[in-house]
Amino acid sequence: MDHQTGKYIIIAGACILAAGIIIYFFPGSVKWLGRLPGDIRVERGPVRFYFPVVTMLIISIVVTLVIQLLRRIS
């Protein structure tokens, strides 16, 4: 591991910490996450299947943009 890897680990930890603080202190602020149109939800009897397609796409786009911004800055 080198200096750059350590920097990315610290940034990832800060992002996870920020997300945890938001979810803990403002639980209703991310209630929409996972319930977007396009997320697949099937409930039949005792069996439930849930696949958050659109939520995963949005998270992927946001993470990609953040990584690209970090690469340009450093």
PDB file of N, CA and C in Angstrom:
ATOM      1  N   MET A   1       0.840  -1.172   0.000  1.00  0.00           N
ATOM      2  CA  MET A   1       0.000   0.000   0.000  1.00  0.00           C
ATOM      3  C   MET A   1       0.890   1.241   0.000  1.00  0.00           C
ATOM      4  N   ASP A   2       0.383   2.263  -0.626  1.00  0.00           N
ATOM      5  CA  ASP A   2       1.140   3.499  -0.693  1.00  0.00           C
ATOM      6  C   ASP A   2       0.355   4.649  -0.071  1.00  0.00           C
ATOM      7  N   HIS A   3       0.892   5.831  -0.185  1.00  0.00           N
ATOM      8  CA  HIS A   3       0.300   7.037   0.399  1.00  0.00           C
ATOM      9  C   HIS A   3      -1.084   7.315  -0.179  1.00  0.00           C
ATOM     10  N   GLN A   4      -1.246   7.107  -1.473  1.00  0.00           N
ATOM     11  CA  GLN A   4      -2.523   7.391  -2.150  1.00  0.00           C
ATOM     12  C   GLN A   4      -3.633   6.463  -1.641  1.00  0.00           C
ATOM     13  N   THR A   5      -3.306   5.196  -1.412  1.00  0.00           N
ATOM     14  CA  THR A   5      -4.297   4.243  -0.917  1.00  0.00           C
ATOM     15  C   THR A   5      -4.796   4.650   0.468  1.00  0.00           C
ATOM     16  N   GLY A   6      -3.894   5.060   1.317  1.00  0.00           N
ATOM     17  CA  GLY A   6      -4.284   5.522   2.646  1.00  0.00           C
ATOM     18  C   GLY A   6      -5.216   6.712   2.586  1.00  0.00           C
ATOM     19  N   LYS A   7      -4.944   7.600   1.637  1.00  0.00           N
ATOM     20  CA  LYS A   7      -5.788   8.783   1.460  1.00  0.00           C
ATOM     21  C   LYS A   7      -7.209   8.376   1.063  1.00  0.00           C
ATOM     22  N   TYR A   8      -7.326   7.412   0.150  1.00  0.00           N
ATOM     23  CA  TYR A   8      -8.648   6.953  -0.286  1.00  0.00           C
ATOM     24  C   TYR A   8      -9.394   6.247   0.843  1.00  0.00           C
ATOM     25  N   ILE A   9      -8.680   5.514   1.675  1.00  0.00           N
ATOM     26  CA  ILE A   9      -9.320   4.825   2.800  1.00  0.00           C
ATOM     27  C   ILE A   9      -9.853   5.845   3.815  1.00  0.00           C
ATOM     28  N   ILE A  10      -9.100   6.895   4.064  1.00  0.00           N
ATOM     29  CA  ILE A  10      -9.556   7.944   4.983  1.00  0.00           C
ATOM     30  C   ILE A  10     -10.791   8.645   4.423  1.00  0.00           C
ATOM     31  N   ILE A  11     -10.798   8.942   3.138  1.00  0.00           N
ATOM     32  CA  ILE A  11     -11.952   9.606   2.514  1.00  0.00           C
ATOM     33  C   ILE A  11     -13.174   8.703   2.558  1.00  0.00           C
ATOM     34  N   ALA A  12     -12.991   7.407   2.272  1.00  0.00           N
ATOM     35  CA  ALA A  12     -14.110   6.463   2.328  1.00  0.00           C
ATOM     36  C   ALA A  12     -14.671   6.380   3.745  1.00  0.00           C
ATOM     37  N   GLY A  13     -13.786   6.356   4.739  1.00  0.00           N
ATOM     38  CA  GLY A  13     -14.233   6.321   6.133  1.00  0.00           C
ATOM     39  C   GLY A  13     -15.005   7.564   6.519  1.00  0.00           C
ATOM     40  N   ALA A  14     -14.552   8.724   6.039  1.00  0.00           N
ATOM     41  CA  ALA A  14     -15.259   9.978   6.331  1.00  0.00           C
ATOM     42  C   ALA A  14     -16.648   9.979   5.690  1.00  0.00           C
ATOM     43  N   CYS A  15     -16.746   9.441   4.491  1.00  0.00           N
ATOM     44  CA  CYS A  15     -18.056   9.367   3.813  1.00  0.00           C
ATOM     45  C   CYS A  15     -18.999   8.427   4.549  1.00  0.00           C
ATOM     46  N   ILE A  16     -18.485   7.289   4.996  1.00  0.00           N
ATOM     47  CA  ILE A  16     -19.313   6.353   5.753  1.00  0.00           C
ATOM     48  C   ILE A  16     -19.747   6.974   7.083  1.00  0.00           C
ATOM     49  N   LEU A  17     -18.841   7.684   7.732  1.00  0.00           N
ATOM     50  CA  LEU A  17     -19.182   8.363   8.979  1.00  0.00           C
ATOM     51  C   LEU A  17     -20.272   9.412   8.752  1.00  0.00           C
ATOM     52  N   ALA A  18     -20.143  10.201   7.691  1.00  0.00           N
ATOM     53  CA  ALA A  18     -21.148  11.221   7.380  1.00  0.00           C
ATOM     54  C   ALA A  18     -22.506  10.580   7.097  1.00  0.00           C
ATOM     55  N   ALA A  19     -22.512   9.484   6.340  1.00  0.00           N
ATOM     56  CA  ALA A  19     -23.769   8.791   6.055  1.00  0.00           C
ATOM     57  C   ALA A  19     -24.391   8.251   7.344  1.00  0.00           C
ATOM     58  N   GLY A  20     -23.575   7.707   8.224  1.00  0.00           N
ATOM     59  CA  GLY A  20     -24.076   7.189   9.501  1.00  0.00           C
ATOM     60  C   GLY A  20     -24.670   8.276  10.367  1.00  0.00           C
ATOM     61  N   ILE A  21     -24.025   9.438  10.402  1.00  0.00           N
ATOM     62  CA  ILE A  21     -24.546  10.560  11.188  1.00  0.00           C
ATOM     63  C   ILE A  21     -25.884  11.034  10.630  1.00  0.00           C
ATOM     64  N   ILE A  22     -25.980  11.134   9.321  1.00  0.00           N
ATOM     65  CA  ILE A  22     -27.237  11.571   8.698  1.00  0.00           C
ATOM     66  C   ILE A  22     -28.349  10.579   8.995  1.00  0.00           C
ATOM     67  N   ILE A  23     -28.068   9.291   8.853  1.00  0.00           N
ATOM     68  CA  ILE A  23     -29.097   8.275   9.099  1.00  0.00           C
ATOM     69  C   ILE A  23     -29.484   8.235  10.577  1.00  0.00           C
ATOM     70  N   TYR A  24     -28.527   8.400  11.466  1.00  0.00           N
ATOM     71  CA  TYR A  24     -28.815   8.333  12.906  1.00  0.00           C
ATOM     72  C   TYR A  24     -29.609   9.538  13.398  1.00  0.00           C
ATOM     73  N   PHE A  25     -29.183  10.743  13.020  1.00  0.00           N
ATOM     74  CA  PHE A  25     -29.827  11.943  13.542  1.00  0.00           C
ATOM     75  C   PHE A  25     -31.027  12.410  12.717  1.00  0.00           C
ATOM     76  N   PHE A  26     -31.081  12.052  11.455  1.00  0.00           N
ATOM     77  CA  PHE A  26     -32.193  12.444  10.577  1.00  0.00           C
ATOM     78  C   PHE A  26     -32.734  11.214   9.854  1.00  0.00           C
ATOM     79  N   PRO A  27     -33.391  10.296  10.562  1.00  0.00           N
ATOM     80  CA  PRO A  27     -33.808   9.032   9.941  1.00  0.00           C
ATOM     81  C   PRO A  27     -34.835   9.192   8.814  1.00  0.00           C
ATOM     82  N   GLY A  28     -35.620  10.231   8.840  1.00  0.00           N
ATOM     83  CA  GLY A  28     -36.628  10.415   7.797  1.00  0.00           C
ATOM     84  C   GLY A  28     -36.085  11.040   6.526  1.00  0.00           C
ATOM     85  N   SER A  29     -34.855  11.520   6.563  1.00  0.00           N
ATOM     86  CA  SER A  29     -34.307  12.236   5.406  1.00  0.00           C
ATOM     87  C   SER A  29     -33.940  11.313   4.251  1.00  0.00           C
ATOM     88  N   VAL A  30     -33.709  10.046   4.518  1.00  0.00           N
ATOM     89  CA  VAL A  30     -33.366   9.111   3.447  1.00  0.00           C
ATOM     90  C   VAL A  30     -34.414   8.006   3.319  1.00  0.00           C
ATOM     91  N   LYS A  31     -35.633   8.307   3.721  1.00  0.00           N
ATOM     92  CA  LYS A  31     -36.708   7.324   3.662  1.00  0.00           C
ATOM     93  C   LYS A  31     -37.049   6.930   2.218  1.00  0.00           C
ATOM     94  N   TRP A  32     -36.823   7.827   1.278  1.00  0.00           N
ATOM     95  CA  TRP A  32     -37.120   7.577  -0.130  1.00  0.00           C
ATOM     96  C   TRP A  32     -36.123   6.613  -0.757  1.00  0.00           C
ATOM     97  N   LEU A  33     -34.949   6.495  -0.171  1.00  0.00           N
ATOM     98  CA  LEU A  33     -33.909   5.641  -0.730  1.00  0.00           C
ATOM     99  C   LEU A  33     -34.327   4.179  -0.602  1.00  0.00           C
ATOM    100  N   GLY A  34     -34.412   3.496  -1.722  1.00  0.00           N
ATOM    101  CA  GLY A  34     -34.852   2.111  -1.739  1.00  0.00           C
ATOM    102  C   GLY A  34     -36.316   1.948  -2.088  1.00  0.00           C
ATOM    103  N   ARG A  35     -37.017   3.053  -2.271  1.00  0.00           N
ATOM    104  CA  ARG A  35     -38.438   3.006  -2.615  1.00  0.00           C
ATOM    105  C   ARG A  35     -38.723   3.808  -3.881  1.00  0.00           C
ATOM    106  N   LEU A  36     -37.757   3.861  -4.763  1.00  0.00           N
ATOM    107  CA  LEU A  36     -37.902   4.640  -5.988  1.00  0.00           C
ATOM    108  C   LEU A  36     -38.689   3.871  -7.035  1.00  0.00           C
ATOM    109  N   PRO A  37     -39.318   4.587  -7.972  1.00  0.00           N
ATOM    110  CA  PRO A  37     -39.976   3.897  -9.082  1.00  0.00           C
ATOM    111  C   PRO A  37     -38.923   3.132  -9.884  1.00  0.00           C
ATOM    112  N   GLY A  38     -39.189   1.894 -10.165  1.00  0.00           N
ATOM    113  CA  GLY A  38     -38.239   1.061 -10.882  1.00  0.00           C
ATOM    114  C   GLY A  38     -37.587   0.028  -9.990  1.00  0.00           C
ATOM    115  N   ASP A  39     -37.677   0.203  -8.671  1.00  0.00           N
ATOM    116  CA  ASP A  39     -37.189  -0.818  -7.750  1.00  0.00           C
ATOM    117  C   ASP A  39     -38.187  -1.969  -7.756  1.00  0.00           C
ATOM    118  N   ILE A  40     -37.681  -3.179  -7.862  1.00  0.00           N
ATOM    119  CA  ILE A  40     -38.544  -4.358  -7.986  1.00  0.00           C
ATOM    120  C   ILE A  40     -38.855  -4.906  -6.600  1.00  0.00           C
ATOM    121  N   ARG A  41     -40.149  -5.061  -6.339  1.00  0.00           N
ATOM    122  CA  ARG A  41     -40.607  -5.612  -5.061  1.00  0.00           C
ATOM    123  C   ARG A  41     -41.749  -6.591  -5.343  1.00  0.00           C
ATOM    124  N   VAL A  42     -41.557  -7.842  -4.929  1.00  0.00           N
ATOM    125  CA  VAL A  42     -42.568  -8.878  -5.116  1.00  0.00           C
ATOM    126  C   VAL A  42     -42.846  -9.506  -3.759  1.00  0.00           C
ATOM    127  N   GLU A  43     -44.109  -9.490  -3.355  1.00  0.00           N
ATOM    128  CA  GLU A  43     -44.519 -10.100  -2.094  1.00  0.00           C
ATOM    129  C   GLU A  43     -45.654 -11.067  -2.379  1.00  0.00           C
ATOM    130  N   ARG A  44     -45.381 -12.347  -2.182  1.00  0.00           N
ATOM    131  CA  ARG A  44     -46.397 -13.378  -2.382  1.00  0.00           C
ATOM    132  C   ARG A  44     -46.393 -14.312  -1.186  1.00  0.00           C
ATOM    133  N   GLY A  45     -47.398 -14.173  -0.376  1.00  0.00           N
ATOM    134  CA  GLY A  45     -47.481 -15.000   0.820  1.00  0.00           C
ATOM    135  C   GLY A  45     -46.329 -14.701   1.766  1.00  0.00           C
ATOM    136  N   PRO A  46     -45.665 -15.751   2.235  1.00  0.00           N
ATOM    137  CA  PRO A  46     -44.559 -15.542   3.180  1.00  0.00           C
ATOM    138  C   PRO A  46     -43.230 -15.174   2.501  1.00  0.00           C
ATOM    139  N   VAL A  47     -43.210 -15.142   1.172  1.00  0.00           N
ATOM    140  CA  VAL A  47     -41.970 -14.892   0.437  1.00  0.00           C
ATOM    141  C   VAL A  47     -41.931 -13.442  -0.043  1.00  0.00           C
ATOM    142  N   ARG A  48     -40.815 -12.788   0.209  1.00  0.00           N
ATOM    143  CA  ARG A  48     -40.613 -11.413  -0.259  1.00  0.00           C
ATOM    144  C   ARG A  48     -39.331 -11.353  -1.066  1.00  0.00           C
ATOM    145  N   PHE A  49     -39.399 -10.681  -2.211  1.00  0.00           N
ATOM    146  CA  PHE A  49     -38.218 -10.477  -3.042  1.00  0.00           C
ATOM    147  C   PHE A  49     -38.112  -8.987  -3.333  1.00  0.00           C
ATOM    148  N   TYR A  50     -36.935  -8.440  -3.091  1.00  0.00           N
ATOM    149  CA  TYR A  50     -36.729  -7.008  -3.284  1.00  0.00           C
ATOM    150  C   TYR A  50     -35.408  -6.793  -3.986  1.00  0.00           C
ATOM    151  N   PHE A  51     -35.444  -6.056  -5.098  1.00  0.00           N
ATOM    152  CA  PHE A  51     -34.243  -5.765  -5.866  1.00  0.00           C
ATOM    153  C   PHE A  51     -34.259  -4.285  -6.256  1.00  0.00           C
ATOM    154  N   PRO A  52     -33.492  -3.443  -5.560  1.00  0.00           N
ATOM    155  CA  PRO A  52     -33.531  -1.987  -5.780  1.00  0.00           C
ATOM    156  C   PRO A  52     -32.690  -1.543  -6.992  1.00  0.00           C
ATOM    157  N   VAL A  53     -33.189  -1.768  -8.187  1.00  0.00           N
ATOM    158  CA  VAL A  53     -32.449  -1.489  -9.421  1.00  0.00           C
ATOM    159  C   VAL A  53     -32.125   0.000  -9.551  1.00  0.00           C
ATOM    160  N   VAL A  54     -33.128   0.840  -9.483  1.00  0.00           N
ATOM    161  CA  VAL A  54     -32.927   2.283  -9.686  1.00  0.00           C
ATOM    162  C   VAL A  54     -32.091   2.878  -8.556  1.00  0.00           C
ATOM    163  N   THR A  55     -32.315   2.435  -7.334  1.00  0.00           N
ATOM    164  CA  THR A  55     -31.526   2.925  -6.208  1.00  0.00           C
ATOM    165  C   THR A  55     -30.050   2.599  -6.408  1.00  0.00           C
ATOM    166  N   MET A  56     -29.746   1.384  -6.852  1.00  0.00           N
ATOM    167  CA  MET A  56     -28.351   1.002  -7.090  1.00  0.00           C
ATOM    168  C   MET A  56     -27.738   1.816  -8.227  1.00  0.00           C
ATOM    169  N   LEU A  57     -28.510   2.103  -9.265  1.00  0.00           N
ATOM    170  CA  LEU A  57     -27.991   2.928 -10.362  1.00  0.00           C
ATOM    171  C   LEU A  57     -27.649   4.335  -9.891  1.00  0.00           C
ATOM    172  N   ILE A  58     -28.527   4.930  -9.103  1.00  0.00           N
ATOM    173  CA  ILE A  58     -28.282   6.285  -8.602  1.00  0.00           C
ATOM    174  C   ILE A  58     -27.064   6.311  -7.685  1.00  0.00           C
ATOM    175  N   ILE A  59     -26.951   5.335  -6.789  1.00  0.00           N
ATOM    176  CA  ILE A  59     -25.787   5.277  -5.906  1.00  0.00           C
ATOM    177  C   ILE A  59     -24.509   5.084  -6.711  1.00  0.00           C
ATOM    178  N   SER A  60     -24.554   4.251  -7.729  1.00  0.00           N
ATOM    179  CA  SER A  60     -23.393   4.019  -8.579  1.00  0.00           C
ATOM    180  C   SER A  60     -22.957   5.286  -9.299  1.00  0.00           C
ATOM    181  N   ILE A  61     -23.910   6.042  -9.812  1.00  0.00           N
ATOM    182  CA  ILE A  61     -23.596   7.293 -10.506  1.00  0.00           C
ATOM    183  C   ILE A  61     -22.979   8.302  -9.539  1.00  0.00           C
ATOM    184  N   VAL A  62     -23.554   8.432  -8.355  1.00  0.00           N
ATOM    185  CA  VAL A  62     -23.025   9.384  -7.372  1.00  0.00           C
ATOM    186  C   VAL A  62     -21.610   8.997  -6.943  1.00  0.00           C
ATOM    187  N   VAL A  63     -21.380   7.720  -6.664  1.00  0.00           N
ATOM    188  CA  VAL A  63     -20.051   7.273  -6.252  1.00  0.00           C
ATOM    189  C   VAL A  63     -19.035   7.492  -7.375  1.00  0.00           C
ATOM    190  N   THR A  64     -19.431   7.213  -8.611  1.00  0.00           N
ATOM    191  CA  THR A  64     -18.541   7.431  -9.752  1.00  0.00           C
ATOM    192  C   THR A  64     -18.175   8.900  -9.887  1.00  0.00           C
ATOM    193  N   LEU A  65     -19.147   9.789  -9.741  1.00  0.00           N
ATOM    194  CA  LEU A  65     -18.864  11.221  -9.834  1.00  0.00           C
ATOM    195  C   LEU A  65     -17.934  11.691  -8.721  1.00  0.00           C
ATOM    196  N   VAL A  66     -18.146  11.190  -7.503  1.00  0.00           N
ATOM    197  CA  VAL A  66     -17.283  11.573  -6.385  1.00  0.00           C
ATOM    198  C   VAL A  66     -15.856  11.085  -6.617  1.00  0.00           C
ATOM    199  N   ILE A  67     -15.701   9.865  -7.091  1.00  0.00           N
ATOM    200  CA  ILE A  67     -14.359   9.331  -7.365  1.00  0.00           C
ATOM    201  C   ILE A  67     -13.675  10.143  -8.452  1.00  0.00           C
ATOM    202  N   GLN A  68     -14.397  10.510  -9.503  1.00  0.00           N
ATOM    203  CA  GLN A  68     -13.809  11.298 -10.574  1.00  0.00           C
ATOM    204  C   GLN A  68     -13.378  12.680 -10.069  1.00  0.00           C
ATOM    205  N   LEU A  69     -14.186  13.288  -9.213  1.00  0.00           N
ATOM    206  CA  LEU A  69     -13.821  14.573  -8.629  1.00  0.00           C
ATOM    207  C   LEU A  69     -12.570  14.462  -7.759  1.00  0.00           C
ATOM    208  N   LEU A  70     -12.491  13.394  -6.970  1.00  0.00           N
ATOM    209  CA  LEU A  70     -11.327  13.194  -6.119  1.00  0.00           C
ATOM    210  C   LEU A  70     -10.054  12.975  -6.937  1.00  0.00           C
ATOM    211  N   ARG A  71     -10.180  12.277  -8.039  1.00  0.00           N
ATOM    212  CA  ARG A  71      -9.010  12.050  -8.904  1.00  0.00           C
ATOM    213  C   ARG A  71      -8.528  13.335  -9.551  1.00  0.00           C
ATOM    214  N   ARG A  72      -9.443  14.205  -9.901  1.00  0.00           N
ATOM    215  CA  ARG A  72      -9.036  15.491 -10.511  1.00  0.00           C
ATOM    216  C   ARG A  72      -8.409  16.416  -9.494  1.00  0.00           C
ATOM    217  N   ILE A  73      -8.875  16.363  -8.255  1.00  0.00           N
ATOM    218  CA  ILE A  73      -8.340  17.223  -7.210  1.00  0.00           C
ATOM    219  C   ILE A  73      -6.937  16.799  -6.829  1.00  0.00           C
ATOM    220  N   SER A  74      -6.712  15.486  -6.704  1.00  0.00           N
ATOM    221  CA  SER A  74      -5.386  15.022  -6.245  1.00  0.00           C
ATOM    222  C   SER A  74      -4.434  14.728  -7.367  1.00  0.00           C
TER     223      SER A  74
END
